[in-house]
Structure formats: C-alpha cells, structure tokens
Amino acid sequence: MAKSAARKKREKRLRQGEMDPRLLRGNWNGVMPVTKVKPDKRKYAYAKSDDDRVFKIA
C-alpha cells in the first residue's frame, strides 16, 4: 500500500530531528475524564426545595 501524506510528513519531521507527534497523543495530564463531573441543569432547574435553588423565584 502507498504511504499517506500524513505519514510522509511525520517521517520527514523525524528525519529532521523534530519530536514525534505520536508521543503527544492520549495524554490527559493527570485528568481522569470518567471521574470529572460537571454540574448539569437538573441540579438548578429541578431542585428539591426552594433553599437549593440558585435563582430564587420572586
């Protein structure tokens, strides 16, 4: 099979002494994407009591 253009560029960069971009892939710098929780709309829109609401209904 023929080489892709991206592979040719990657190999040329390696020949010139630059860093291999494959080494940078998949690095989350210590962040676990599964454990990171983002607050969702339900927390604010459907609060259990009026004290839990961020925006008070006037």
C-alpha atoms as a PDB file:
ATOM      1  CA  MET A   1       0.000   0.000   0.000  1.00  0.00           C
ATOM      2  CA  ALA A   2       1.058   3.556  -0.561  1.00  0.00           C
ATOM      3  CA  LYS A   3       2.084   5.876   2.253  1.00  0.00           C
ATOM      4  CA  SER A   4      -0.365   8.561   3.276  1.00  0.00           C
ATOM      5  CA  ALA A   5       0.560  12.233   3.141  1.00  0.00           C
ATOM      6  CA  ALA A   6       0.377  12.470   6.932  1.00  0.00           C
ATOM      7  CA  ARG A   7       2.751   9.539   7.329  1.00  0.00           C
ATOM      8  CA  LYS A   8       5.205  11.096   4.871  1.00  0.00           C
ATOM      9  CA  LYS A   9       5.143  14.382   6.806  1.00  0.00           C
ATOM     10  CA  ARG A  10       5.616  12.533  10.099  1.00  0.00           C
ATOM     11  CA  GLU A  11       8.596  10.577   8.801  1.00  0.00           C
ATOM     12  CA  LYS A  12      10.153  13.720   7.335  1.00  0.00           C
ATOM     13  CA  ARG A  13       9.842  15.504  10.687  1.00  0.00           C
ATOM     14  CA  LEU A  14      11.537  12.552  12.397  1.00  0.00           C
ATOM     15  CA  ARG A  15      14.395  12.606   9.881  1.00  0.00           C
ATOM     16  CA  GLN A  16      14.884  16.318  10.554  1.00  0.00           C
ATOM     17  CA  GLY A  17      15.161  15.669  14.276  1.00  0.00           C
ATOM     18  CA  GLU A  18      11.811  17.072  15.386  1.00  0.00           C
ATOM     19  CA  MET A  19       9.607  15.465  18.004  1.00  0.00           C
ATOM     20  CA  ASP A  20       7.366  12.562  17.103  1.00  0.00           C
ATOM     21  CA  PRO A  21       3.700  13.727  17.342  1.00  0.00           C
ATOM     22  CA  ARG A  22       2.633  10.205  18.294  1.00  0.00           C
ATOM     23  CA  LEU A  23       4.243  10.725  21.699  1.00  0.00           C
ATOM     24  CA  LEU A  24       1.841  13.578  22.458  1.00  0.00           C
ATOM     25  CA  ARG A  25      -1.327  11.619  21.743  1.00  0.00           C
ATOM     26  CA  GLY A  26      -3.562  10.373  24.529  1.00  0.00           C
ATOM     27  CA  ASN A  27      -2.008  12.463  27.307  1.00  0.00           C
ATOM     28  CA  TRP A  28      -4.609  13.864  29.698  1.00  0.00           C
ATOM     29  CA  ASN A  29      -2.016  15.336  32.102  1.00  0.00           C
ATOM     30  CA  GLY A  30      -3.428  13.528  35.121  1.00  0.00           C
ATOM     31  CA  VAL A  31      -7.105  14.299  34.418  1.00  0.00           C
ATOM     32  CA  MET A  32      -9.374  11.277  34.590  1.00  0.00           C
ATOM     33  CA  PRO A  33     -12.257  12.011  32.166  1.00  0.00           C
ATOM     34  CA  VAL A  34     -14.518   9.468  33.854  1.00  0.00           C
ATOM     35  CA  THR A  35     -14.278  10.990  37.327  1.00  0.00           C
ATOM     36  CA  LYS A  36     -14.630  14.625  36.274  1.00  0.00           C
ATOM     37  CA  VAL A  37     -18.225  15.646  36.972  1.00  0.00           C
ATOM     38  CA  LYS A  38     -19.774  18.737  35.507  1.00  0.00           C
ATOM     39  CA  PRO A  39     -22.901  20.205  37.120  1.00  0.00           C
ATOM     40  CA  ASP A  40     -25.926  19.762  34.961  1.00  0.00           C
ATOM     41  CA  LYS A  41     -29.144  21.670  34.508  1.00  0.00           C
ATOM     42  CA  ARG A  42     -31.198  19.323  36.681  1.00  0.00           C
ATOM     43  CA  LYS A  43     -29.334  20.454  39.781  1.00  0.00           C
ATOM     44  CA  TYR A  44     -30.609  24.014  39.299  1.00  0.00           C
ATOM     45  CA  ALA A  45     -33.882  23.577  37.427  1.00  0.00           C
ATOM     46  CA  TYR A  46     -35.384  20.783  39.489  1.00  0.00           C
ATOM     47  CA  ALA A  47     -34.126  21.457  42.994  1.00  0.00           C
ATOM     48  CA  LYS A  48     -35.742  19.503  45.831  1.00  0.00           C
ATOM     49  CA  SER A  49     -36.541  22.594  47.872  1.00  0.00           C
ATOM     50  CA  ASP A  50     -36.517  26.337  47.426  1.00  0.00           C
ATOM     51  CA  ASP A  51     -33.375  26.580  49.555  1.00  0.00           C
ATOM     52  CA  ASP A  52     -31.432  24.523  46.997  1.00  0.00           C
ATOM     53  CA  ARG A  53     -32.285  26.793  44.075  1.00  0.00           C
ATOM     54  CA  VAL A  54     -29.591  29.127  42.835  1.00  0.00           C
ATOM     55  CA  PHE A  55     -32.038  31.526  41.235  1.00  0.00           C
ATOM     56  CA  LYS A  56     -34.885  32.312  43.619  1.00  0.00           C
ATOM     57  CA  ILE A  57     -38.371  32.654  42.197  1.00  0.00           C
ATOM     58  CA  ALA A  58     -39.695  36.082  43.160  1.00  0.00           C
END
